Amino acid sequence: PRDLAGLAGLVLPGGESTTMVRLMDEYALWAPLRDFHARGGALWGT
């Protein structure tokens, strides 16, 4: 989550989505990513 500080945009890359979900759980990224968007961040998912 701390890596989002100061970013204006973020690309969520390709890969294996179920593995990415597990990593987002493990590193508690769900709320920080939603907050990043709510604060004005742009997101692109490939």
All heavy atoms as atom14 arrays in JSON, in Angstrom:
{
  "sequence": "PRDLAGLAGLVLPGGESTTMVRLMDEYALWAPLRDFHARGGALWGT",
  "atom14_mask": [
    [1, 1, 1, 1, 1, 1, 1, 0, 0, 0, 0, 0, 0, 0],
    [1, 1, 1, 1, 1, 1, 1, 1, 1, 1, 1, 0, 0, 0],
    [1, 1, 1, 1, 1, 1, 1, 1, 0, 0, 0, 0, 0, 0],
    [1, 1, 1, 1, 1, 1, 1, 1, 0, 0, 0, 0, 0, 0],
    [1, 1, 1, 1, 1, 0, 0, 0, 0, 0, 0, 0, 0, 0],
    [1, 1, 1, 1, 0, 0, 0, 0, 0, 0, 0, 0, 0, 0],
    [1, 1, 1, 1, 1, 1, 1, 1, 0, 0, 0, 0, 0, 0],
    [1, 1, 1, 1, 1, 0, 0, 0, 0, 0, 0, 0, 0, 0],
    [1, 1, 1, 1, 0, 0, 0, 0, 0, 0, 0, 0, 0, 0],
    [1, 1, 1, 1, 1, 1, 1, 1, 0, 0, 0, 0, 0, 0],
    [1, 1, 1, 1, 1, 1, 1, 0, 0, 0, 0, 0, 0, 0],
    [1, 1, 1, 1, 1, 1, 1, 1, 0, 0, 0, 0, 0, 0],
    [1, 1, 1, 1, 1, 1, 1, 0, 0, 0, 0, 0, 0, 0],
    [1, 1, 1, 1, 0, 0, 0, 0, 0, 0, 0, 0, 0, 0],
    [1, 1, 1, 1, 0, 0, 0, 0, 0, 0, 0, 0, 0, 0],
    [1, 1, 1, 1, 1, 1, 1, 1, 1, 0, 0, 0, 0, 0],
    [1, 1, 1, 1, 1, 1, 0, 0, 0, 0, 0, 0, 0, 0],
    [1, 1, 1, 1, 1, 1, 1, 0, 0, 0, 0, 0, 0, 0],
    [1, 1, 1, 1, 1, 1, 1, 0, 0, 0, 0, 0, 0, 0],
    [1, 1, 1, 1, 1, 1, 1, 1, 0, 0, 0, 0, 0, 0],
    [1, 1, 1, 1, 1, 1, 1, 0, 0, 0, 0, 0, 0, 0],
    [1, 1, 1, 1, 1, 1, 1, 1, 1, 1, 1, 0, 0, 0],
    [1, 1, 1, 1, 1, 1, 1, 1, 0, 0, 0, 0, 0, 0],
    [1, 1, 1, 1, 1, 1, 1, 1, 0, 0, 0, 0, 0, 0],
    [1, 1, 1, 1, 1, 1, 1, 1, 0, 0, 0, 0, 0, 0],
    [1, 1, 1, 1, 1, 1, 1, 1, 1, 0, 0, 0, 0, 0],
    [1, 1, 1, 1, 1, 1, 1, 1, 1, 1, 1, 1, 0, 0],
    [1, 1, 1, 1, 1, 0, 0, 0, 0, 0, 0, 0, 0, 0],
    [1, 1, 1, 1, 1, 1, 1, 1, 0, 0, 0, 0, 0, 0],
    [1, 1, 1, 1, 1, 1, 1, 1, 1, 1, 1, 1, 1, 1],
    [1, 1, 1, 1, 1, 0, 0, 0, 0, 0, 0, 0, 0, 0],
    [1, 1, 1, 1, 1, 1, 1, 0, 0, 0, 0, 0, 0, 0],
    [1, 1, 1, 1, 1, 1, 1, 1, 0, 0, 0, 0, 0, 0],
    [1, 1, 1, 1, 1, 1, 1, 1, 1, 1, 1, 0, 0, 0],
    [1, 1, 1, 1, 1, 1, 1, 1, 0, 0, 0, 0, 0, 0],
    [1, 1, 1, 1, 1, 1, 1, 1, 1, 1, 1, 0, 0, 0],
    [1, 1, 1, 1, 1, 1, 1, 1, 1, 1, 0, 0, 0, 0],
    [1, 1, 1, 1, 1, 0, 0, 0, 0, 0, 0, 0, 0, 0],
    [1, 1, 1, 1, 1, 1, 1, 1, 1, 1, 1, 0, 0, 0],
    [1, 1, 1, 1, 0, 0, 0, 0, 0, 0, 0, 0, 0, 0],
    [1, 1, 1, 1, 0, 0, 0, 0, 0, 0, 0, 0, 0, 0],
    [1, 1, 1, 1, 1, 0, 0, 0, 0, 0, 0, 0, 0, 0],
    [1, 1, 1, 1, 1, 1, 1, 1, 0, 0, 0, 0, 0, 0],
    [1, 1, 1, 1, 1, 1, 1, 1, 1, 1, 1, 1, 1, 1],
    [1, 1, 1, 1, 0, 0, 0, 0, 0, 0, 0, 0, 0, 0],
    [1, 1, 1, 1, 1, 1, 1, 0, 0, 0, 0, 0, 0, 0]
  ],
  "atom14_positions": [
    [[0.81, -1.23, 0.0], [0.0, 0.0, 0.0], [0.84, 1.28, 0.0], [0.5, 2.24, -0.7], [-0.84, -0.13, 1.27], [-1.01, -1.61, 1.45], [0.32, -2.19, 1.0], [0.0, 0.0, 0.0], [0.0, 0.0, 0.0], [0.0, 0.0, 0.0], [0.0, 0.0, 0.0], [0.0, 0.0, 0.0], [0.0, 0.0, 0.0], [0.0, 0.0, 0.0]],
    [[1.94, 1.28, 0.72], [2.76, 2.51, 0.78], [3.36, 2.89, -0.58], [3.71, 4.04, -0.81], [3.86, 2.35, 1.83], [4.92, 1.34, 1.46], [6.05, 1.31, 2.48], [7.04, 0.33, 2.12], [7.3, -0.78, 2.8], [6.67, -1.02, 3.94], [8.22, -1.61, 2.38], [0.0, 0.0, 0.0], [0.0, 0.0, 0.0], [0.0, 0.0, 0.0]],
    [[3.46, 1.93, -1.5], [4.03, 2.2, -2.82], [3.11, 3.05, -3.69], [3.54, 3.57, -4.72], [4.34, 0.89, -3.54], [5.37, 0.03, -2.82], [6.2, 0.59, -2.08], [5.32, -1.2, -2.99], [0.0, 0.0, 0.0], [0.0, 0.0, 0.0], [0.0, 0.0, 0.0], [0.0, 0.0, 0.0], [0.0, 0.0, 0.0], [0.0, 0.0, 0.0]],
    [[1.85, 3.21, -3.29], [0.91, 4.03, -4.05], [1.12, 5.53, -3.82], [0.66, 6.34, -4.62], [-0.53, 3.68, -3.66], [-1.01, 2.29, -4.08], [-2.3, 1.93, -3.36], [-1.18, 2.22, -5.58], [0.0, 0.0, 0.0], [0.0, 0.0, 0.0], [0.0, 0.0, 0.0], [0.0, 0.0, 0.0], [0.0, 0.0, 0.0], [0.0, 0.0, 0.0]],
    [[1.83, 5.89, -2.77], [2.03, 7.3, -2.42], [2.68, 8.06, -3.57], [3.68, 7.64, -4.14], [2.89, 7.42, -1.16], [0.0, 0.0, 0.0], [0.0, 0.0, 0.0], [0.0, 0.0, 0.0], [0.0, 0.0, 0.0], [0.0, 0.0, 0.0], [0.0, 0.0, 0.0], [0.0, 0.0, 0.0], [0.0, 0.0, 0.0], [0.0, 0.0, 0.0]],
    [[2.06, 9.18, -3.93], [2.61, 10.06, -4.94], [2.31, 9.67, -6.38], [2.69, 10.39, -7.3], [0.0, 0.0, 0.0], [0.0, 0.0, 0.0], [0.0, 0.0, 0.0], [0.0, 0.0, 0.0], [0.0, 0.0, 0.0], [0.0, 0.0, 0.0], [0.0, 0.0, 0.0], [0.0, 0.0, 0.0], [0.0, 0.0, 0.0], [0.0, 0.0, 0.0]],
    [[1.63, 8.56, -6.61], [1.31, 8.14, -7.97], [0.03, 8.82, -8.46], [-0.89, 9.06, -7.69], [1.12, 6.63, -8.04], [2.33, 5.75, -7.79], [1.95, 4.28, -7.94], [3.46, 6.1, -8.73], [0.0, 0.0, 0.0], [0.0, 0.0, 0.0], [0.0, 0.0, 0.0], [0.0, 0.0, 0.0], [0.0, 0.0, 0.0], [0.0, 0.0, 0.0]],
    [[-0.02, 9.08, -9.77], [-1.23, 9.62, -10.38], [-1.99, 8.52, -11.12], [-3.2, 8.62, -11.3], [-0.86, 10.73, -11.36], [0.0, 0.0, 0.0], [0.0, 0.0, 0.0], [0.0, 0.0, 0.0], [0.0, 0.0, 0.0], [0.0, 0.0, 0.0], [0.0, 0.0, 0.0], [0.0, 0.0, 0.0], [0.0, 0.0, 0.0], [0.0, 0.0, 0.0]],
    [[-1.29, 7.48, -11.53], [-1.91, 6.39, -12.26], [-1.23, 5.08, -11.97], [-0.09, 5.04, -11.53], [0.0, 0.0, 0.0], [0.0, 0.0, 0.0], [0.0, 0.0, 0.0], [0.0, 0.0, 0.0], [0.0, 0.0, 0.0], [0.0, 0.0, 0.0], [0.0, 0.0, 0.0], [0.0, 0.0, 0.0], [0.0, 0.0, 0.0], [0.0, 0.0, 0.0]],
    [[-1.98, 3.99, -12.2], [-1.46, 2.66, -11.91], [-1.99, 1.69, -12.95], [-3.18, 1.69, -13.27], [-1.91, 2.21, -10.52], [-1.47, 0.81, -10.07], [0.04, 0.77, -9.86], [-2.2, 0.44, -8.79], [0.0, 0.0, 0.0], [0.0, 0.0, 0.0], [0.0, 0.0, 0.0], [0.0, 0.0, 0.0], [0.0, 0.0, 0.0], [0.0, 0.0, 0.0]],
    [[-1.1, 0.83, -13.47], [-1.49, -0.23, -14.39], [-1.49, -1.54, -13.62], [-0.48, -1.91, -13.01], [-0.52, -0.32, -15.59], [-0.88, -1.5, -16.48], [-0.52, 0.98, -16.38], [0.0, 0.0, 0.0], [0.0, 0.0, 0.0], [0.0, 0.0, 0.0], [0.0, 0.0, 0.0], [0.0, 0.0, 0.0], [0.0, 0.0, 0.0], [0.0, 0.0, 0.0]],
    [[-2.65, -2.22, -13.62], [-2.75, -3.56, -13.06], [-2.49, -4.51, -14.22], [-3.27, -4.57, -15.17], [-4.13, -3.81, -12.46], [-4.53, -2.89, -11.31], [-5.95, -3.16, -10.88], [-3.58, -3.09, -10.15], [0.0, 0.0, 0.0], [0.0, 0.0, 0.0], [0.0, 0.0, 0.0], [0.0, 0.0, 0.0], [0.0, 0.0, 0.0], [0.0, 0.0, 0.0]],
    [[-1.38, -5.25, -14.18], [-0.94, -6.02, -15.35], [-1.71, -7.32, -15.54], [-2.52, -7.73, -14.71], [0.52, -6.32, -15.0], [0.5, -6.46, -13.51], [-0.49, -5.42, -13.04], [0.0, 0.0, 0.0], [0.0, 0.0, 0.0], [0.0, 0.0, 0.0], [0.0, 0.0, 0.0], [0.0, 0.0, 0.0], [0.0, 0.0, 0.0], [0.0, 0.0, 0.0]],
    [[-1.37, -7.99, -16.64], [-1.87, -9.32, -16.89], [-1.16, -10.3, -15.97], [-0.24, -9.95, -15.24], [0.0, 0.0, 0.0], [0.0, 0.0, 0.0], [0.0, 0.0, 0.0], [0.0, 0.0, 0.0], [0.0, 0.0, 0.0], [0.0, 0.0, 0.0], [0.0, 0.0, 0.0], [0.0, 0.0, 0.0], [0.0, 0.0, 0.0], [0.0, 0.0, 0.0]],
    [[-1.61, -11.52, -16.01], [-1.06, -12.57, -15.16], [-2.17, -13.55, -14.84], [-3.07, -13.77, -15.65], [0.0, 0.0, 0.0], [0.0, 0.0, 0.0], [0.0, 0.0, 0.0], [0.0, 0.0, 0.0], [0.0, 0.0, 0.0], [0.0, 0.0, 0.0], [0.0, 0.0, 0.0], [0.0, 0.0, 0.0], [0.0, 0.0, 0.0], [0.0, 0.0, 0.0]],
    [[-2.13, -14.1, -13.67], [-3.16, -15.06, -13.24], [-3.99, -14.38, -12.17], [-3.5, -14.11, -11.08], [-2.46, -16.33, -12.73], [-3.25, -17.6, -13.0], [-4.58, -17.62, -12.28], [-4.61, -17.41, -11.06], [-5.61, -17.83, -12.94], [0.0, 0.0, 0.0], [0.0, 0.0, 0.0], [0.0, 0.0, 0.0], [0.0, 0.0, 0.0], [0.0, 0.0, 0.0]],
    [[-5.25, -14.1, -12.48], [-6.05, -13.26, -11.59], [-6.28, -13.88, -10.21], [-6.32, -13.16, -9.22], [-7.39, -12.9, -12.25], [-8.16, -14.05, -12.51], [0.0, 0.0, 0.0], [0.0, 0.0, 0.0], [0.0, 0.0, 0.0], [0.0, 0.0, 0.0], [0.0, 0.0, 0.0], [0.0, 0.0, 0.0], [0.0, 0.0, 0.0], [0.0, 0.0, 0.0]],
    [[-6.43, -15.2, -10.12], [-6.65, -15.8, -8.79], [-5.4, -15.66, -7.92], [-5.5, -15.43, -6.72], [-7.08, -17.28, -8.88], [-6.13, -18.0, -9.64], [-8.44, -17.41, -9.52], [0.0, 0.0, 0.0], [0.0, 0.0, 0.0], [0.0, 0.0, 0.0], [0.0, 0.0, 0.0], [0.0, 0.0, 0.0], [0.0, 0.0, 0.0], [0.0, 0.0, 0.0]],
    [[-4.23, -15.75, -8.52], [-2.98, -15.53, -7.78], [-2.89, -14.07, -7.36], [-2.49, -13.77, -6.22], [-1.76, -15.9, -8.65], [-1.85, -17.29, -8.99], [-0.46, -15.62, -7.94], [0.0, 0.0, 0.0], [0.0, 0.0, 0.0], [0.0, 0.0, 0.0], [0.0, 0.0, 0.0], [0.0, 0.0, 0.0], [0.0, 0.0, 0.0], [0.0, 0.0, 0.0]],
    [[-3.28, -13.16, -8.24], [-3.24, -11.74, -7.91], [-4.2, -11.42, -6.76], [-3.87, -10.61, -5.89], [-3.54, -10.91, -9.16], [-2.45, -11.05, -10.22], [-2.9, -10.42, -11.85], [-2.69, -8.66, -11.61], [0.0, 0.0, 0.0], [0.0, 0.0, 0.0], [0.0, 0.0, 0.0], [0.0, 0.0, 0.0], [0.0, 0.0, 0.0], [0.0, 0.0, 0.0]],
    [[-5.37, -12.07, -6.73], [-6.32, -11.88, -5.63], [-5.68, -12.32, -4.32], [-5.77, -11.63, -3.3], [-7.64, -12.63, -5.9], [-8.48, -12.76, -4.63], [-8.44, -11.93, -6.99], [0.0, 0.0, 0.0], [0.0, 0.0, 0.0], [0.0, 0.0, 0.0], [0.0, 0.0, 0.0], [0.0, 0.0, 0.0], [0.0, 0.0, 0.0], [0.0, 0.0, 0.0]],
    [[-5.01, -13.47, -4.33], [-4.35, -13.95, -3.11], [-3.28, -12.98, -2.63], [-3.15, -12.72, -1.43], [-3.73, -15.33, -3.35], [-4.75, -16.44, -3.2], [-4.08, -17.81, -3.23], [-4.71, -18.53, -4.33], [-4.09, -19.08, -5.36], [-2.78, -19.06, -5.43], [-4.76, -19.68, -6.3], [0.0, 0.0, 0.0], [0.0, 0.0, 0.0], [0.0, 0.0, 0.0]],
    [[-2.51, -12.43, -3.56], [-1.47, -11.46, -3.19], [-2.08, -10.16, -2.67], [-1.56, -9.56, -1.72], [-0.55, -11.18, -4.38], [0.36, -12.34, -4.77], [1.03, -12.06, -6.11], [1.39, -12.61, -3.69], [0.0, 0.0, 0.0], [0.0, 0.0, 0.0], [0.0, 0.0, 0.0], [0.0, 0.0, 0.0], [0.0, 0.0, 0.0], [0.0, 0.0, 0.0]],
    [[-3.19, -9.74, -3.25], [-3.86, -8.54, -2.76], [-4.4, -8.76, -1.36], [-4.41, -7.85, -0.54], [-4.96, -8.12, -3.73], [-4.4, -7.54, -5.02], [-5.64, -7.19, -6.27], [-6.63, -5.95, -5.46], [0.0, 0.0, 0.0], [0.0, 0.0, 0.0], [0.0, 0.0, 0.0], [0.0, 0.0, 0.0], [0.0, 0.0, 0.0], [0.0, 0.0, 0.0]],
    [[-4.85, -9.99, -1.06], [-5.26, -10.33, 0.31], [-4.05, -10.28, 1.25], [-4.1, -9.63, 2.3], [-5.85, -11.75, 0.37], [-7.26, -11.85, -0.17], [-7.94, -10.82, -0.26], [-7.67, -12.98, -0.5], [0.0, 0.0, 0.0], [0.0, 0.0, 0.0], [0.0, 0.0, 0.0], [0.0, 0.0, 0.0], [0.0, 0.0, 0.0], [0.0, 0.0, 0.0]],
    [[-2.99, -10.95, 0.86], [-1.8, -11.06, 1.71], [-1.19, -9.71, 2.03], [-0.73, -9.47, 3.15], [-0.76, -11.96, 1.03], [0.44, -12.24, 1.9], [1.39, -13.26, 1.27], [0.96, -14.06, 0.43], [2.58, -13.22, 1.65], [0.0, 0.0, 0.0], [0.0, 0.0, 0.0], [0.0, 0.0, 0.0], [0.0, 0.0, 0.0], [0.0, 0.0, 0.0]],
    [[-1.17, -8.81, 1.06], [-0.54, -7.51, 1.26], [-1.55, -6.39, 1.51], [-1.19, -5.21, 1.48], [0.37, -7.18, 0.08], [1.52, -8.14, -0.01], [1.54, -9.15, -0.96], [2.57, -8.08, 0.9], [2.58, -10.06, -1.03], [3.62, -8.98, 0.84], [3.62, -9.97, -0.12], [4.66, -10.87, -0.17], [0.0, 0.0, 0.0], [0.0, 0.0, 0.0]],
    [[-2.8, -6.76, 1.78], [-3.86, -5.81, 2.16], [-3.96, -4.63, 1.18], [-3.92, -3.48, 1.57], [-3.65, -5.32, 3.58], [0.0, 0.0, 0.0], [0.0, 0.0, 0.0], [0.0, 0.0, 0.0], [0.0, 0.0, 0.0], [0.0, 0.0, 0.0], [0.0, 0.0, 0.0], [0.0, 0.0, 0.0], [0.0, 0.0, 0.0], [0.0, 0.0, 0.0]],
    [[-4.14, -4.94, -0.09], [-4.18, -3.91, -1.13], [-5.6, -3.5, -1.55], [-5.76, -2.52, -2.27], [-3.41, -4.37, -2.36], [-1.9, -4.23, -2.25], [-1.2, -5.03, -3.34], [-1.5, -2.77, -2.33], [0.0, 0.0, 0.0], [0.0, 0.0, 0.0], [0.0, 0.0, 0.0], [0.0, 0.0, 0.0], [0.0, 0.0, 0.0], [0.0, 0.0, 0.0]],
    [[-6.64, -4.21, -1.11], [-7.99, -3.91, -1.58], [-8.42, -2.47, -1.26], [-8.74, -1.7, -2.17], [-9.0, -4.9, -0.99], [-8.78, -6.29, -1.5], [-8.1, -7.29, -0.86], [-9.19, -6.83, -2.75], [-8.07, -8.42, -1.65], [-8.75, -8.16, -2.81], [-9.91, -6.31, -3.82], [-9.0, -8.98, -3.92], [-10.17, -7.13, -4.92], [-9.7, -8.44, -4.95]],
    [[-8.45, -2.12, -0.01], [-8.89, -0.77, 0.39], [-7.93, 0.31, -0.12], [-8.4, 1.34, -0.62], [-9.06, -0.68, 1.9], [0.0, 0.0, 0.0], [0.0, 0.0, 0.0], [0.0, 0.0, 0.0], [0.0, 0.0, 0.0], [0.0, 0.0, 0.0], [0.0, 0.0, 0.0], [0.0, 0.0, 0.0], [0.0, 0.0, 0.0], [0.0, 0.0, 0.0]],
    [[-6.61, 0.12, -0.05], [-5.72, 1.16, -0.57], [-5.92, 1.43, -2.07], [-5.82, 2.57, -2.5], [-4.32, 0.61, -0.28], [-4.5, -0.23, 0.93], [-5.85, -0.89, 0.72], [0.0, 0.0, 0.0], [0.0, 0.0, 0.0], [0.0, 0.0, 0.0], [0.0, 0.0, 0.0], [0.0, 0.0, 0.0], [0.0, 0.0, 0.0], [0.0, 0.0, 0.0]],
    [[-6.21, 0.39, -2.85], [-6.44, 0.61, -4.28], [-7.75, 1.35, -4.51], [-7.82, 2.26, -5.36], [-6.43, -0.71, -5.05], [-5.05, -1.31, -5.26], [-5.16, -2.72, -5.83], [-4.21, -0.43, -6.17], [0.0, 0.0, 0.0], [0.0, 0.0, 0.0], [0.0, 0.0, 0.0], [0.0, 0.0, 0.0], [0.0, 0.0, 0.0], [0.0, 0.0, 0.0]],
    [[-8.79, 1.01, -3.76], [-10.06, 1.74, -3.88], [-9.87, 3.19, -3.44], [-10.39, 4.12, -4.06], [-11.14, 1.06, -3.07], [-11.63, -0.24, -3.69], [-12.8, -0.83, -2.91], [-13.19, -2.11, -3.48], [-13.04, -3.28, -2.86], [-12.54, -3.34, -1.64], [-13.42, -4.39, -3.46], [0.0, 0.0, 0.0], [0.0, 0.0, 0.0], [0.0, 0.0, 0.0]],
    [[-9.12, 3.41, -2.36], [-8.84, 4.76, -1.88], [-8.02, 5.55, -2.9], [-8.25, 6.75, -3.11], [-8.1, 4.74, -0.55], [-8.96, 4.23, 0.6], [-10.2, 4.18, 0.45], [-8.38, 3.87, 1.65], [0.0, 0.0, 0.0], [0.0, 0.0, 0.0], [0.0, 0.0, 0.0], [0.0, 0.0, 0.0], [0.0, 0.0, 0.0], [0.0, 0.0, 0.0]],
    [[-7.05, 4.89, -3.53], [-6.22, 5.52, -4.57], [-7.13, 6.07, -5.67], [-6.98, 7.21, -6.1], [-5.23, 4.49, -5.13], [-4.46, 4.97, -6.32], [-3.39, 5.83, -6.18], [-4.8, 4.53, -7.6], [-2.67, 6.27, -7.28], [-4.1, 4.97, -8.7], [-3.02, 5.83, -8.55], [0.0, 0.0, 0.0], [0.0, 0.0, 0.0], [0.0, 0.0, 0.0]],
    [[-8.09, 5.28, -6.11], [-9.02, 5.73, -7.14], [-9.91, 6.86, -6.62], [-10.11, 7.87, -7.3], [-9.88, 4.56, -7.62], [-10.89, 4.97, -8.64], [-12.21, 5.16, -8.33], [-10.76, 5.25, -9.95], [-12.85, 5.54, -9.42], [-12.0, 5.59, -10.43], [0.0, 0.0, 0.0], [0.0, 0.0, 0.0], [0.0, 0.0, 0.0], [0.0, 0.0, 0.0]],
    [[-10.43, 6.71, -5.42], [-11.31, 7.73, -4.84], [-10.6, 9.07, -4.69], [-11.23, 10.12, -4.8], [-11.85, 7.26, -3.49], [0.0, 0.0, 0.0], [0.0, 0.0, 0.0], [0.0, 0.0, 0.0], [0.0, 0.0, 0.0], [0.0, 0.0, 0.0], [0.0, 0.0, 0.0], [0.0, 0.0, 0.0], [0.0, 0.0, 0.0], [0.0, 0.0, 0.0]],
    [[-9.3, 9.04, -4.46], [-8.52, 10.28, -4.3], [-8.09, 10.87, -5.64], [-7.43, 11.9, -5.67], [-7.29, 10.02, -3.44], [-7.59, 9.81, -1.97], [-6.32, 9.8, -1.11], [-5.22, 9.06, -1.68], [-4.98, 7.75, -1.52], [-5.81, 7.03, -0.79], [-3.94, 7.18, -2.07], [0.0, 0.0, 0.0], [0.0, 0.0, 0.0], [0.0, 0.0, 0.0]],
    [[-8.46, 10.22, -6.75], [-8.17, 10.8, -8.06], [-7.25, 9.99, -8.93], [-6.94, 10.39, -10.05], [0.0, 0.0, 0.0], [0.0, 0.0, 0.0], [0.0, 0.0, 0.0], [0.0, 0.0, 0.0], [0.0, 0.0, 0.0], [0.0, 0.0, 0.0], [0.0, 0.0, 0.0], [0.0, 0.0, 0.0], [0.0, 0.0, 0.0], [0.0, 0.0, 0.0]],
    [[-6.76, 8.85, -8.47], [-5.85, 8.04, -9.27], [-6.54, 7.36, -10.44], [-7.69, 6.94, -10.34], [0.0, 0.0, 0.0], [0.0, 0.0, 0.0], [0.0, 0.0, 0.0], [0.0, 0.0, 0.0], [0.0, 0.0, 0.0], [0.0, 0.0, 0.0], [0.0, 0.0, 0.0], [0.0, 0.0, 0.0], [0.0, 0.0, 0.0], [0.0, 0.0, 0.0]],
    [[-5.83, 7.28, -11.56], [-6.32, 6.58, -12.74], [-5.81, 5.15, -12.71], [-4.69, 4.89, -12.25], [-5.84, 7.3, -14.0], [0.0, 0.0, 0.0], [0.0, 0.0, 0.0], [0.0, 0.0, 0.0], [0.0, 0.0, 0.0], [0.0, 0.0, 0.0], [0.0, 0.0, 0.0], [0.0, 0.0, 0.0], [0.0, 0.0, 0.0], [0.0, 0.0, 0.0]],
    [[-6.63, 4.21, -13.2], [-6.25, 2.8, -13.2], [-6.5, 2.19, -14.58], [-7.51, 2.51, -15.23], [-7.09, 2.03, -12.16], [-6.79, 2.37, -10.72], [-7.99, 2.11, -9.84], [-5.6, 1.57, -10.24], [0.0, 0.0, 0.0], [0.0, 0.0, 0.0], [0.0, 0.0, 0.0], [0.0, 0.0, 0.0], [0.0, 0.0, 0.0], [0.0, 0.0, 0.0]],
    [[-5.59, 1.32, -14.98], [-5.75, 0.58, -16.23], [-5.45, -0.87, -15.94], [-4.36, -1.19, -15.44], [-4.81, 1.11, -17.29], [-4.88, 0.44, -18.62], [-5.82, -0.43, -19.08], [-3.93, 0.6, -19.68], [-5.53, -0.81, -20.36], [-4.38, -0.2, -20.76], [-2.78, 1.35, -19.83], [-3.69, -0.27, -21.96], [-2.09, 1.28, -21.02], [-2.54, 0.48, -22.08]],
    [[-6.39, -1.73, -16.22], [-6.2, -3.16, -16.05], [-6.08, -3.83, -17.4], [-6.95, -3.68, -18.25], [0.0, 0.0, 0.0], [0.0, 0.0, 0.0], [0.0, 0.0, 0.0], [0.0, 0.0, 0.0], [0.0, 0.0, 0.0], [0.0, 0.0, 0.0], [0.0, 0.0, 0.0], [0.0, 0.0, 0.0], [0.0, 0.0, 0.0], [0.0, 0.0, 0.0]],
    [[-4.98, -4.57, -17.61], [-4.8, -5.32, -18.84], [-4.96, -6.8, -18.53], [-4.35, -7.31, -17.6], [-3.42, -5.06, -19.48], [-2.39, -5.56, -18.64], [-3.2, -3.58, -19.73], [0.0, 0.0, 0.0], [0.0, 0.0, 0.0], [0.0, 0.0, 0.0], [0.0, 0.0, 0.0], [0.0, 0.0, 0.0], [0.0, 0.0, 0.0], [0.0, 0.0, 0.0]]
  ]
}
